[in-house]
Each structure stands twice: as C-alpha cells, then as structure tokens.
Amino acid sequence: MVEIQPLDIADPIRTQAILRRYGFQFKKSLGQNFLTNKAVLNGILDAADLQLTDLVVEIGPGIGSLTEQLARRVKQVVAVEIDERLLPILADTLAPYNNIEVVHQDILKTSLAELTANYPDHGAIKVVANLPYYITTPIMFSLINGEVQPDVLVLMMQKEVAQRITANSGNKHYGSLSIDVQTQMTAEIAQIVPRTSFVPQPNVDSAVLVLQRYQHSPYQIDHPEMFSTIVKSSFQQRRKSLQNNLANLFGKDKREQITQIITELDLPAQVRAEQLPIQKFIDLSNACFTTFTSKRSK
C-alpha cells in the first residue's frame, strides 16, 4: 500500500483543515494573518540564504507553515509564539521535526541571548518573521539593537513600511526610519506580497524585507545623540526647509549660524531634509555639535 504524504502546512487546503480541526479563531489584536502562498514562502527561504549550520529564530510561527520549511533546511529553529492557543496546534503540525523548539513568549520581553543560549554550536543567527503590522518597528529595532545581534533579518511587513525603510534621499518615502535602519544594516525588498497570500486577507499588501548587518559600516557617527536629534527634528515637519526645522530645534536666534552651516555643506539654502543623503546628515550633525555644543561648554 502506498503511503500518502500529507500536504505541506502552507498548502491552502491543509491550512483550512488545521484551522477547522482546532476551531481556531483569529485575533485582530495580535495581527494574525497566516501565509498560504507557497511561492512567497519559497521567496522568503531564498531571501534568507539558509545554510545547514544556521540557527534560525522565527517570530510568530502561526500554525507552522514557514517553521516546517525552515526545519528542513537548517540545524535548529527556535520559534517564538505569543498566542497560547497556537501551542497545541504547533505541537501537532510540527511533530515530525526534532530540530524545532517552540517558545511561548512575547518577543519584546525576551532577548536573542536567552533564545539562543541552548544552542552555542551554530553558524549565523538569522531571524525570520511575519510581523504583525501594528508592532513591526518596535520588534525590528529590538532585534537590531539587542545584546545578541542577528546577522540577517528577513521580515514580512506592510509594504509601505518596507518602502520607507529602504528609501534613499530624494524619494518621498525617505525619512528618519530609513536613516535609523540604514546606518546599521543594508536594507532591500526581496518581494512584494499581495494581500491574497494570507488567511485572513489583510487590507494592504506586504513586502519581504531583508536586513543584513554591515561587515564594515560605510558610516562613522561621532556624535550619536546629536545625529539622532538632528535627523528626528529635520523630518518633524517635512514640508518645511531644513533651515526652519533646525531653527525650531536650536532657536530662532541661531538662524544665521544654521545658514552658515548649510552653506558650508554645499547645500541649497532652502534644502529639505528628504534631499540629504545619510552622509550629509552625519556631516550636519558634526557641524552642529561643534557649533552649538562645544562652544556652549566653553
């Protein structure tokens, strides 16, 4: 007798069967949307460039669609799931695999150091996640700035957010979010994911974003606090000129000095923040630090 192999978890037919079997009801408060498009799933796997020795941390495994595929390709998967109702489902769907640890935690209340402590013998640490739209950026920055910093992040998120993260100067999506990420990681959209790829279907399309840590950063930020303040203030009122936004920050009485700084940086007098590449923001923050901080302290 020929044994019939079960469909992959991600297959729409099996996904619906699993949901019916457990009577699972989606929670809007958790931003739950399960991926059922196997082509998109394969795109995520390709974007992660998985190696057998990789230690993969997955955030939000759902019913295990992506988790299953990861486990077939790497040595160990640690899947972090906040929804207790999904734990018995994952125990069932992922039973054939002995290289998956499912952890019931809120990713914002844990750390990669804790999650990976039991697996010291590994290659790269890679994070793969289908992030809830409402909490995308807090999770992303907790991973980028955490104690243990992953080599690669492959994150599913709202398309508009991914566009903002990857935008360069001169692009309407370019802003402080672009700069905050790109000063630490390379950022690239691997694929656009139509809303029809999920159950239930969200109201907007998604994108798979790949973030990779610089081996040698192209950016040297000498005054991080000043740099962060300058960037945030410069984009606070996007339609205003850089000069006006900086005057709001440092004081109207400093306008002449601000004008001089902008001129010395070979920028147009009425330049807007979205026109400045990252290196110009670094130069600007250095000049402002020298002009407004060093002199004040003397």
C-alpha atoms as a PDB file:
ATOM      1  CA  MET A   1       0.000   0.000   0.000  1.00  0.00           C
ATOM      2  CA  VAL A   2       1.370   3.411  -0.973  1.00  0.00           C
ATOM      3  CA  GLU A   3       1.581   5.856   1.950  1.00  0.00           C
ATOM      4  CA  ILE A   4       0.013   9.209   1.133  1.00  0.00           C
ATOM      5  CA  GLN A   5       2.277  12.046   2.237  1.00  0.00           C
ATOM      6  CA  PRO A   6       0.480  14.954   3.912  1.00  0.00           C
ATOM      7  CA  LEU A   7       0.389  18.301   2.168  1.00  0.00           C
ATOM      8  CA  ASP A   8       2.759  20.975   3.409  1.00  0.00           C
ATOM      9  CA  ILE A   9       1.258  23.026   6.222  1.00  0.00           C
ATOM     10  CA  ALA A  10       1.326  26.105   3.967  1.00  0.00           C
ATOM     11  CA  ASP A  11      -0.909  24.469   1.391  1.00  0.00           C
ATOM     12  CA  PRO A  12      -4.266  26.308   1.470  1.00  0.00           C
ATOM     13  CA  ILE A  13      -6.200  23.039   1.715  1.00  0.00           C
ATOM     14  CA  ARG A  14      -4.203  21.798   4.699  1.00  0.00           C
ATOM     15  CA  THR A  15      -4.211  25.224   6.352  1.00  0.00           C
ATOM     16  CA  GLN A  16      -8.003  25.335   6.264  1.00  0.00           C
ATOM     17  CA  ALA A  17      -8.200  21.749   7.519  1.00  0.00           C
ATOM     18  CA  ILE A  18      -5.974  22.562  10.505  1.00  0.00           C
ATOM     19  CA  LEU A  19      -7.977  25.688  11.342  1.00  0.00           C
ATOM     20  CA  ARG A  20     -11.248  23.739  11.193  1.00  0.00           C
ATOM     21  CA  ARG A  21      -9.897  20.853  13.266  1.00  0.00           C
ATOM     22  CA  TYR A  22      -8.954  23.144  16.120  1.00  0.00           C
ATOM     23  CA  GLY A  23     -11.758  25.659  15.640  1.00  0.00           C
ATOM     24  CA  PHE A  24      -9.147  28.381  15.599  1.00  0.00           C
ATOM     25  CA  GLN A  25     -10.411  31.964  15.570  1.00  0.00           C
ATOM     26  CA  PHE A  26      -8.065  34.762  14.521  1.00  0.00           C
ATOM     27  CA  LYS A  27      -7.391  37.614  16.924  1.00  0.00           C
ATOM     28  CA  LYS A  28      -7.234  41.043  15.343  1.00  0.00           C
ATOM     29  CA  SER A  29      -5.454  42.321  18.440  1.00  0.00           C
ATOM     30  CA  LEU A  30      -2.488  40.071  17.607  1.00  0.00           C
ATOM     31  CA  GLY A  31      -2.428  40.971  13.925  1.00  0.00           C
ATOM     32  CA  GLN A  32      -2.699  37.327  12.869  1.00  0.00           C
ATOM     33  CA  ASN A  33      -2.517  36.597   9.141  1.00  0.00           C
ATOM     34  CA  PHE A  34      -1.292  33.151   8.083  1.00  0.00           C
ATOM     35  CA  LEU A  35       0.663  32.780   4.849  1.00  0.00           C
ATOM     36  CA  THR A  36      -0.764  30.271   2.362  1.00  0.00           C
ATOM     37  CA  ASN A  37       1.158  31.208  -0.791  1.00  0.00           C
ATOM     38  CA  LYS A  38       3.937  28.658  -1.330  1.00  0.00           C
ATOM     39  CA  ALA A  39       5.671  30.800  -3.960  1.00  0.00           C
ATOM     40  CA  VAL A  40       6.003  33.608  -1.409  1.00  0.00           C
ATOM     41  CA  LEU A  41       7.173  31.083   1.166  1.00  0.00           C
ATOM     42  CA  ASN A  42       9.920  29.928  -1.189  1.00  0.00           C
ATOM     43  CA  GLY A  43      10.877  33.549  -1.781  1.00  0.00           C
ATOM     44  CA  ILE A  44      11.355  34.041   1.963  1.00  0.00           C
ATOM     45  CA  LEU A  45      13.564  30.961   2.146  1.00  0.00           C
ATOM     46  CA  ASP A  46      15.639  32.175  -0.797  1.00  0.00           C
ATOM     47  CA  ALA A  47      15.992  35.632   0.748  1.00  0.00           C
ATOM     48  CA  ALA A  48      17.321  34.106   3.979  1.00  0.00           C
ATOM     49  CA  ASP A  49      20.050  32.275   2.018  1.00  0.00           C
ATOM     50  CA  LEU A  50      19.886  29.429   4.502  1.00  0.00           C
ATOM     51  CA  GLN A  51      22.859  27.242   5.369  1.00  0.00           C
ATOM     52  CA  LEU A  52      22.624  23.966   7.276  1.00  0.00           C
ATOM     53  CA  THR A  53      24.544  25.366  10.262  1.00  0.00           C
ATOM     54  CA  ASP A  54      22.321  28.445  10.647  1.00  0.00           C
ATOM     55  CA  LEU A  55      20.384  28.995  13.858  1.00  0.00           C
ATOM     56  CA  VAL A  56      17.044  30.491  12.842  1.00  0.00           C
ATOM     57  CA  VAL A  57      14.770  32.368  15.209  1.00  0.00           C
ATOM     58  CA  GLU A  58      11.247  32.633  13.852  1.00  0.00           C
ATOM     59  CA  ILE A  59       8.812  35.134  15.322  1.00  0.00           C
ATOM     60  CA  GLY A  60       5.118  34.323  15.032  1.00  0.00           C
ATOM     61  CA  PRO A  61       5.103  30.784  13.586  1.00  0.00           C
ATOM     62  CA  GLY A  62       1.303  30.634  13.478  1.00  0.00           C
ATOM     63  CA  ILE A  63       0.419  27.044  12.626  1.00  0.00           C
ATOM     64  CA  GLY A  64       3.937  26.242  11.422  1.00  0.00           C
ATOM     65  CA  SER A  65       3.814  26.891   7.671  1.00  0.00           C
ATOM     66  CA  LEU A  66       7.205  28.601   7.465  1.00  0.00           C
ATOM     67  CA  THR A  67       8.613  26.791  10.500  1.00  0.00           C
ATOM     68  CA  GLU A  68       8.304  23.463   8.713  1.00  0.00           C
ATOM     69  CA  GLN A  69      10.217  24.696   5.684  1.00  0.00           C
ATOM     70  CA  LEU A  70      12.961  26.231   7.845  1.00  0.00           C
ATOM     71  CA  ALA A  71      13.403  22.987   9.789  1.00  0.00           C
ATOM     72  CA  ARG A  72      14.011  21.108   6.538  1.00  0.00           C
ATOM     73  CA  ARG A  73      16.925  23.375   5.716  1.00  0.00           C
ATOM     74  CA  VAL A  74      18.780  24.292   8.917  1.00  0.00           C
ATOM     75  CA  LYS A  75      20.180  22.674  12.031  1.00  0.00           C
ATOM     76  CA  GLN A  76      17.902  24.362  14.555  1.00  0.00           C
ATOM     77  CA  VAL A  77      14.807  26.569  14.599  1.00  0.00           C
ATOM     78  CA  VAL A  78      13.598  28.440  17.680  1.00  0.00           C
ATOM     79  CA  ALA A  79      10.021  29.624  17.092  1.00  0.00           C
ATOM     80  CA  VAL A  80       8.623  32.316  19.389  1.00  0.00           C
ATOM     81  CA  GLU A  81       4.839  32.418  19.661  1.00  0.00           C
ATOM     82  CA  ILE A  82       2.866  34.768  21.924  1.00  0.00           C
ATOM     83  CA  ASP A  83      -0.569  33.146  21.398  1.00  0.00           C
ATOM     84  CA  GLU A  84      -1.011  30.267  23.839  1.00  0.00           C
ATOM     85  CA  ARG A  85      -3.871  28.857  21.736  1.00  0.00           C
ATOM     86  CA  LEU A  86      -1.410  28.000  18.963  1.00  0.00           C
ATOM     87  CA  LEU A  87       0.889  25.869  21.115  1.00  0.00           C
ATOM     88  CA  PRO A  88      -1.089  22.591  20.833  1.00  0.00           C
ATOM     89  CA  ILE A  89      -1.555  23.180  17.112  1.00  0.00           C
ATOM     90  CA  LEU A  90       2.199  23.628  16.634  1.00  0.00           C
ATOM     91  CA  ALA A  91       2.894  20.532  18.755  1.00  0.00           C
ATOM     92  CA  ASP A  92       0.722  18.603  16.316  1.00  0.00           C
ATOM     93  CA  THR A  93       1.771  20.093  12.968  1.00  0.00           C
ATOM     94  CA  LEU A  94       5.492  20.136  13.784  1.00  0.00           C
ATOM     95  CA  ALA A  95       5.617  16.729  15.499  1.00  0.00           C
ATOM     96  CA  PRO A  96       7.686  15.126  12.683  1.00  0.00           C
ATOM     97  CA  TYR A  97      10.608  17.517  13.312  1.00  0.00           C
ATOM     98  CA  ASN A  98      13.110  17.182  16.169  1.00  0.00           C
ATOM     99  CA  ASN A  99      15.008  20.384  15.426  1.00  0.00           C
ATOM    100  CA  ILE A 100      12.293  22.872  16.380  1.00  0.00           C
ATOM    101  CA  GLU A 101      11.860  24.475  19.790  1.00  0.00           C
ATOM    102  CA  VAL A 102       8.606  26.385  20.237  1.00  0.00           C
ATOM    103  CA  VAL A 103       8.862  29.079  22.922  1.00  0.00           C
ATOM    104  CA  HIS A 104       5.766  30.708  24.396  1.00  0.00           C
ATOM    105  CA  GLN A 105       6.962  34.283  24.880  1.00  0.00           C
ATOM    106  CA  ASP A 106       6.457  37.878  23.831  1.00  0.00           C
ATOM    107  CA  ILE A 107       9.468  38.679  21.653  1.00  0.00           C
ATOM    108  CA  LEU A 108       9.562  42.219  23.061  1.00  0.00           C
ATOM    109  CA  LYS A 109      10.039  40.819  26.575  1.00  0.00           C
ATOM    110  CA  THR A 110      12.838  38.418  25.777  1.00  0.00           C
ATOM    111  CA  SER A 111      16.206  38.551  24.045  1.00  0.00           C
ATOM    112  CA  LEU A 112      18.123  36.645  21.425  1.00  0.00           C
ATOM    113  CA  ALA A 113      20.694  35.801  24.093  1.00  0.00           C
ATOM    114  CA  GLU A 114      18.029  33.903  26.037  1.00  0.00           C
ATOM    115  CA  LEU A 115      16.577  32.255  22.950  1.00  0.00           C
ATOM    116  CA  THR A 116      19.899  31.025  21.591  1.00  0.00           C
ATOM    117  CA  ALA A 117      21.672  30.140  24.859  1.00  0.00           C
ATOM    118  CA  ASN A 118      20.974  26.415  24.488  1.00  0.00           C
ATOM    119  CA  TYR A 119      22.482  26.265  21.007  1.00  0.00           C
ATOM    120  CA  PRO A 120      26.094  27.518  21.178  1.00  0.00           C
ATOM    121  CA  ASP A 121      27.301  25.395  18.277  1.00  0.00           C
ATOM    122  CA  HIS A 122      25.861  27.226  15.292  1.00  0.00           C
ATOM    123  CA  GLY A 123      26.794  29.331  12.314  1.00  0.00           C
ATOM    124  CA  ALA A 124      24.965  32.551  11.542  1.00  0.00           C
ATOM    125  CA  ILE A 125      21.976  33.676  13.584  1.00  0.00           C
ATOM    126  CA  LYS A 126      19.109  34.581  11.286  1.00  0.00           C
ATOM    127  CA  VAL A 127      15.692  35.921  12.234  1.00  0.00           C
ATOM    128  CA  VAL A 128      12.701  35.185  10.028  1.00  0.00           C
ATOM    129  CA  ALA A 129       9.351  36.704  10.913  1.00  0.00           C
ATOM    130  CA  ASN A 130       5.890  37.505   9.633  1.00  0.00           C
ATOM    131  CA  LEU A 131       5.457  40.595  11.799  1.00  0.00           C
ATOM    132  CA  PRO A 132       2.117  41.989  12.973  1.00  0.00           C
ATOM    133  CA  TYR A 133       1.657  45.359  11.273  1.00  0.00           C
ATOM    134  CA  TYR A 134       0.901  47.235  14.489  1.00  0.00           C
ATOM    135  CA  ILE A 135       4.183  46.353  16.192  1.00  0.00           C
ATOM    136  CA  THR A 136       6.630  45.996  13.304  1.00  0.00           C
ATOM    137  CA  THR A 137       9.123  48.731  14.135  1.00  0.00           C
ATOM    138  CA  PRO A 138       9.464  48.024  17.888  1.00  0.00           C
ATOM    139  CA  ILE A 139      10.237  44.370  17.165  1.00  0.00           C
ATOM    140  CA  MET A 140      12.640  45.254  14.352  1.00  0.00           C
ATOM    141  CA  PHE A 141      14.651  47.705  16.457  1.00  0.00           C
ATOM    142  CA  SER A 142      14.703  45.353  19.455  1.00  0.00           C
ATOM    143  CA  LEU A 143      16.423  42.841  17.161  1.00  0.00           C
ATOM    144  CA  ILE A 144      18.767  45.339  15.515  1.00  0.00           C
ATOM    145  CA  ASN A 145      19.903  46.840  18.826  1.00  0.00           C
ATOM    146  CA  GLY A 146      19.715  43.793  21.085  1.00  0.00           C
ATOM    147  CA  GLU A 147      22.504  42.254  23.131  1.00  0.00           C
ATOM    148  CA  VAL A 148      22.904  39.454  20.585  1.00  0.00           C
ATOM    149  CA  GLN A 149      22.624  40.935  17.130  1.00  0.00           C
ATOM    150  CA  PRO A 150      21.494  38.668  14.278  1.00  0.00           C
ATOM    151  CA  ASP A 151      23.471  38.544  11.065  1.00  0.00           C
ATOM    152  CA  VAL A 152      20.362  38.645   8.887  1.00  0.00           C
ATOM    153  CA  LEU A 153      16.731  39.646   9.398  1.00  0.00           C
ATOM    154  CA  VAL A 154      14.093  38.528   6.897  1.00  0.00           C
ATOM    155  CA  LEU A 155      10.898  40.294   7.867  1.00  0.00           C
ATOM    156  CA  MET A 156       7.426  40.277   6.368  1.00  0.00           C
ATOM    157  CA  MET A 157       5.766  43.624   6.963  1.00  0.00           C
ATOM    158  CA  GLN A 158       3.390  46.167   5.486  1.00  0.00           C
ATOM    159  CA  LYS A 159       4.640  47.229   2.058  1.00  0.00           C
ATOM    160  CA  GLU A 160       4.572  50.930   2.895  1.00  0.00           C
ATOM    161  CA  VAL A 161       6.808  50.425   5.942  1.00  0.00           C
ATOM    162  CA  ALA A 162       9.306  48.390   3.908  1.00  0.00           C
ATOM    163  CA  GLN A 163       9.359  51.153   1.299  1.00  0.00           C
ATOM    164  CA  ARG A 164      10.117  53.731   3.992  1.00  0.00           C
ATOM    165  CA  ILE A 165      12.940  51.627   5.408  1.00  0.00           C
ATOM    166  CA  THR A 166      14.639  51.073   2.035  1.00  0.00           C
ATOM    167  CA  ALA A 167      14.098  54.568   0.592  1.00  0.00           C
ATOM    168  CA  ASN A 168      17.039  56.755  -0.374  1.00  0.00           C
ATOM    169  CA  SER A 169      17.301  60.548  -0.346  1.00  0.00           C
ATOM    170  CA  GLY A 170      15.042  62.250  -2.869  1.00  0.00           C
ATOM    171  CA  ASN A 171      12.380  59.553  -2.502  1.00  0.00           C
ATOM    172  CA  LYS A 172       9.032  60.535  -0.977  1.00  0.00           C
ATOM    173  CA  HIS A 173       9.280  57.581   1.431  1.00  0.00           C
ATOM    174  CA  TYR A 174      12.705  58.643   2.742  1.00  0.00           C
ATOM    175  CA  GLY A 175      12.747  59.746   6.361  1.00  0.00           C
ATOM    176  CA  SER A 176      14.109  59.146   9.834  1.00  0.00           C
ATOM    177  CA  LEU A 177      13.085  55.468   9.731  1.00  0.00           C
ATOM    178  CA  SER A 178      15.146  54.961   6.564  1.00  0.00           C
ATOM    179  CA  ILE A 179      18.184  56.519   8.221  1.00  0.00           C
ATOM    180  CA  ASP A 180      17.789  54.777  11.580  1.00  0.00           C
ATOM    181  CA  VAL A 181      17.884  51.386   9.855  1.00  0.00           C
ATOM    182  CA  GLN A 182      20.330  52.047   7.023  1.00  0.00           C
ATOM    183  CA  THR A 183      23.053  53.387   9.323  1.00  0.00           C
ATOM    184  CA  GLN A 184      23.160  49.892  10.868  1.00  0.00           C
ATOM    185  CA  MET A 185      22.031  47.430   8.198  1.00  0.00           C
ATOM    186  CA  THR A 186      21.736  47.069   4.457  1.00  0.00           C
ATOM    187  CA  ALA A 187      18.048  47.068   3.532  1.00  0.00           C
ATOM    188  CA  GLU A 188      16.443  45.503   0.470  1.00  0.00           C
ATOM    189  CA  ILE A 189      12.931  44.454  -0.504  1.00  0.00           C
ATOM    190  CA  ALA A 190      13.089  40.860  -1.724  1.00  0.00           C
ATOM    191  CA  GLN A 191       9.488  40.650  -2.946  1.00  0.00           C
ATOM    192  CA  ILE A 192       6.110  42.330  -2.806  1.00  0.00           C
ATOM    193  CA  VAL A 193       3.444  40.054  -1.346  1.00  0.00           C
ATOM    194  CA  PRO A 194      -0.186  40.519  -2.407  1.00  0.00           C
ATOM    195  CA  ARG A 195      -2.802  40.574   0.331  1.00  0.00           C
ATOM    196  CA  THR A 196      -4.422  37.495  -1.242  1.00  0.00           C
ATOM    197  CA  SER A 197      -1.473  35.426   0.022  1.00  0.00           C
ATOM    198  CA  PHE A 198      -2.861  35.382   3.576  1.00  0.00           C
ATOM    199  CA  VAL A 199      -5.703  33.961   5.621  1.00  0.00           C
ATOM    200  CA  PRO A 200      -7.472  36.098   6.674  1.00  0.00           C
ATOM    201  CA  GLN A 201      -6.731  38.639   3.954  1.00  0.00           C
ATOM    202  CA  PRO A 202      -5.345  41.945   5.284  1.00  0.00           C
ATOM    203  CA  ASN A 203      -6.362  45.314   3.860  1.00  0.00           C
ATOM    204  CA  VAL A 204      -2.943  46.115   2.386  1.00  0.00           C
ATOM    205  CA  ASP A 205      -0.127  44.376   0.542  1.00  0.00           C
ATOM    206  CA  SER A 206       3.033  43.244   2.295  1.00  0.00           C
ATOM    207  CA  ALA A 207       6.716  43.021   1.463  1.00  0.00           C
ATOM    208  CA  VAL A 208       9.596  40.776   2.447  1.00  0.00           C
ATOM    209  CA  LEU A 209      12.403  42.964   3.754  1.00  0.00           C
ATOM    210  CA  VAL A 210      15.969  41.667   4.071  1.00  0.00           C
ATOM    211  CA  LEU A 211      18.243  43.421   6.562  1.00  0.00           C
ATOM    212  CA  GLN A 212      21.890  42.409   6.715  1.00  0.00           C
ATOM    213  CA  ARG A 213      24.418  43.759   9.191  1.00  0.00           C
ATOM    214  CA  TYR A 214      27.362  45.622   7.693  1.00  0.00           C
ATOM    215  CA  GLN A 215      30.677  43.824   7.854  1.00  0.00           C
ATOM    216  CA  HIS A 216      32.313  47.230   7.550  1.00  0.00           C
ATOM    217  CA  SER A 217      29.894  50.107   8.046  1.00  0.00           C
ATOM    218  CA  PRO A 218      30.157  52.948   5.499  1.00  0.00           C
ATOM    219  CA  TYR A 219      29.028  55.367   8.204  1.00  0.00           C
ATOM    220  CA  GLN A 220      31.058  56.786  11.091  1.00  0.00           C
ATOM    221  CA  ILE A 221      28.784  58.634  13.504  1.00  0.00           C
ATOM    222  CA  ASP A 222      30.921  60.542  16.005  1.00  0.00           C
ATOM    223  CA  HIS A 223      28.067  62.123  17.958  1.00  0.00           C
ATOM    224  CA  PRO A 224      25.158  59.618  18.021  1.00  0.00           C
ATOM    225  CA  GLU A 225      22.901  61.665  20.305  1.00  0.00           C
ATOM    226  CA  MET A 226      23.270  64.803  18.214  1.00  0.00           C
ATOM    227  CA  PHE A 227      22.869  62.809  14.995  1.00  0.00           C
ATOM    228  CA  SER A 228      19.638  61.214  16.224  1.00  0.00           C
ATOM    229  CA  THR A 229      18.253  64.586  17.379  1.00  0.00           C
ATOM    230  CA  ILE A 230      19.144  66.276  14.077  1.00  0.00           C
ATOM    231  CA  VAL A 231      17.534  63.536  11.971  1.00  0.00           C
ATOM    232  CA  LYS A 232      14.334  63.429  14.020  1.00  0.00           C
ATOM    233  CA  SER A 233      13.962  67.212  14.069  1.00  0.00           C
ATOM    234  CA  SER A 234      14.744  67.605  10.371  1.00  0.00           C
ATOM    235  CA  PHE A 235      11.829  65.378   9.376  1.00  0.00           C
ATOM    236  CA  GLN A 236       9.419  66.625  12.023  1.00  0.00           C
ATOM    237  CA  GLN A 237       7.768  68.958   9.524  1.00  0.00           C
ATOM    238  CA  ARG A 238       8.654  67.549   6.134  1.00  0.00           C
ATOM    239  CA  ARG A 239       7.326  70.465   4.097  1.00  0.00           C
ATOM    240  CA  LYS A 240       9.493  72.961   5.917  1.00  0.00           C
ATOM    241  CA  SER A 241      13.066  73.649   4.883  1.00  0.00           C
ATOM    242  CA  LEU A 242      15.930  72.085   6.802  1.00  0.00           C
ATOM    243  CA  GLN A 243      16.882  75.582   7.928  1.00  0.00           C
ATOM    244  CA  ASN A 244      13.479  76.194   9.530  1.00  0.00           C
ATOM    245  CA  ASN A 245      13.394  72.817  11.254  1.00  0.00           C
ATOM    246  CA  LEU A 246      16.862  73.347  12.699  1.00  0.00           C
ATOM    247  CA  ALA A 247      15.870  76.840  13.846  1.00  0.00           C
ATOM    248  CA  ASN A 248      12.972  75.259  15.732  1.00  0.00           C
ATOM    249  CA  LEU A 249      15.473  72.885  17.345  1.00  0.00           C
ATOM    250  CA  PHE A 250      18.297  75.237  18.260  1.00  0.00           C
ATOM    251  CA  GLY A 251      16.393  78.517  18.487  1.00  0.00           C
ATOM    252  CA  LYS A 252      15.385  81.261  16.084  1.00  0.00           C
ATOM    253  CA  ASP A 253      18.345  83.347  17.236  1.00  0.00           C
ATOM    254  CA  LYS A 254      20.686  80.690  15.779  1.00  0.00           C
ATOM    255  CA  ARG A 255      19.332  81.040  12.248  1.00  0.00           C
ATOM    256  CA  GLU A 256      22.437  82.853  10.940  1.00  0.00           C
ATOM    257  CA  GLN A 257      24.740  80.105  12.216  1.00  0.00           C
ATOM    258  CA  ILE A 258      22.447  77.444  10.766  1.00  0.00           C
ATOM    259  CA  THR A 259      22.513  79.177   7.392  1.00  0.00           C
ATOM    260  CA  GLN A 260      26.303  79.243   7.504  1.00  0.00           C
ATOM    261  CA  ILE A 261      26.477  75.506   8.300  1.00  0.00           C
ATOM    262  CA  ILE A 262      24.142  74.669   5.405  1.00  0.00           C
ATOM    263  CA  THR A 263      26.200  76.832   3.027  1.00  0.00           C
ATOM    264  CA  GLU A 264      29.487  75.250   4.130  1.00  0.00           C
ATOM    265  CA  LEU A 265      27.999  71.816   3.430  1.00  0.00           C
ATOM    266  CA  ASP A 266      27.339  72.922  -0.186  1.00  0.00           C
ATOM    267  CA  LEU A 267      23.590  72.589   0.259  1.00  0.00           C
ATOM    268  CA  PRO A 268      20.924  74.893  -1.215  1.00  0.00           C
ATOM    269  CA  ALA A 269      19.614  77.454   1.240  1.00  0.00           C
ATOM    270  CA  GLN A 270      16.064  76.066   1.140  1.00  0.00           C
ATOM    271  CA  VAL A 271      17.008  72.382   1.026  1.00  0.00           C
ATOM    272  CA  ARG A 272      14.584  69.963   2.661  1.00  0.00           C
ATOM    273  CA  ALA A 273      15.548  67.018   4.843  1.00  0.00           C
ATOM    274  CA  GLU A 274      14.415  64.419   2.307  1.00  0.00           C
ATOM    275  CA  GLN A 275      17.093  65.676  -0.112  1.00  0.00           C
ATOM    276  CA  LEU A 276      20.008  64.907   2.213  1.00  0.00           C
ATOM    277  CA  PRO A 277      21.772  61.538   1.920  1.00  0.00           C
ATOM    278  CA  ILE A 278      22.857  59.898   5.157  1.00  0.00           C
ATOM    279  CA  GLN A 279      26.458  61.102   4.966  1.00  0.00           C
ATOM    280  CA  LYS A 280      25.265  64.719   4.706  1.00  0.00           C
ATOM    281  CA  PHE A 281      23.246  64.214   7.888  1.00  0.00           C
ATOM    282  CA  ILE A 282      26.392  62.944   9.590  1.00  0.00           C
ATOM    283  CA  ASP A 283      28.316  65.994   8.372  1.00  0.00           C
ATOM    284  CA  LEU A 284      25.466  68.216   9.515  1.00  0.00           C
ATOM    285  CA  SER A 285      25.383  66.671  12.990  1.00  0.00           C
ATOM    286  CA  ASN A 286      29.159  67.077  13.339  1.00  0.00           C
ATOM    287  CA  ALA A 287      28.925  70.750  12.363  1.00  0.00           C
ATOM    288  CA  CYS A 288      26.016  71.384  14.720  1.00  0.00           C
ATOM    289  CA  PHE A 289      27.804  69.621  17.558  1.00  0.00           C
ATOM    290  CA  THR A 290      30.864  71.825  17.058  1.00  0.00           C
ATOM    291  CA  THR A 291      28.824  74.998  16.701  1.00  0.00           C
ATOM    292  CA  PHE A 292      26.144  74.568  19.357  1.00  0.00           C
ATOM    293  CA  THR A 293      27.574  72.130  21.890  1.00  0.00           C
ATOM    294  CA  SER A 294      31.332  72.620  22.020  1.00  0.00           C
ATOM    295  CA  LYS A 295      31.086  76.405  22.165  1.00  0.00           C
ATOM    296  CA  ARG A 296      28.355  76.287  24.792  1.00  0.00           C
ATOM    297  CA  SER A 297      30.506  74.137  27.053  1.00  0.00           C
ATOM    298  CA  LYS A 298      33.431  76.588  26.970  1.00  0.00           C
END
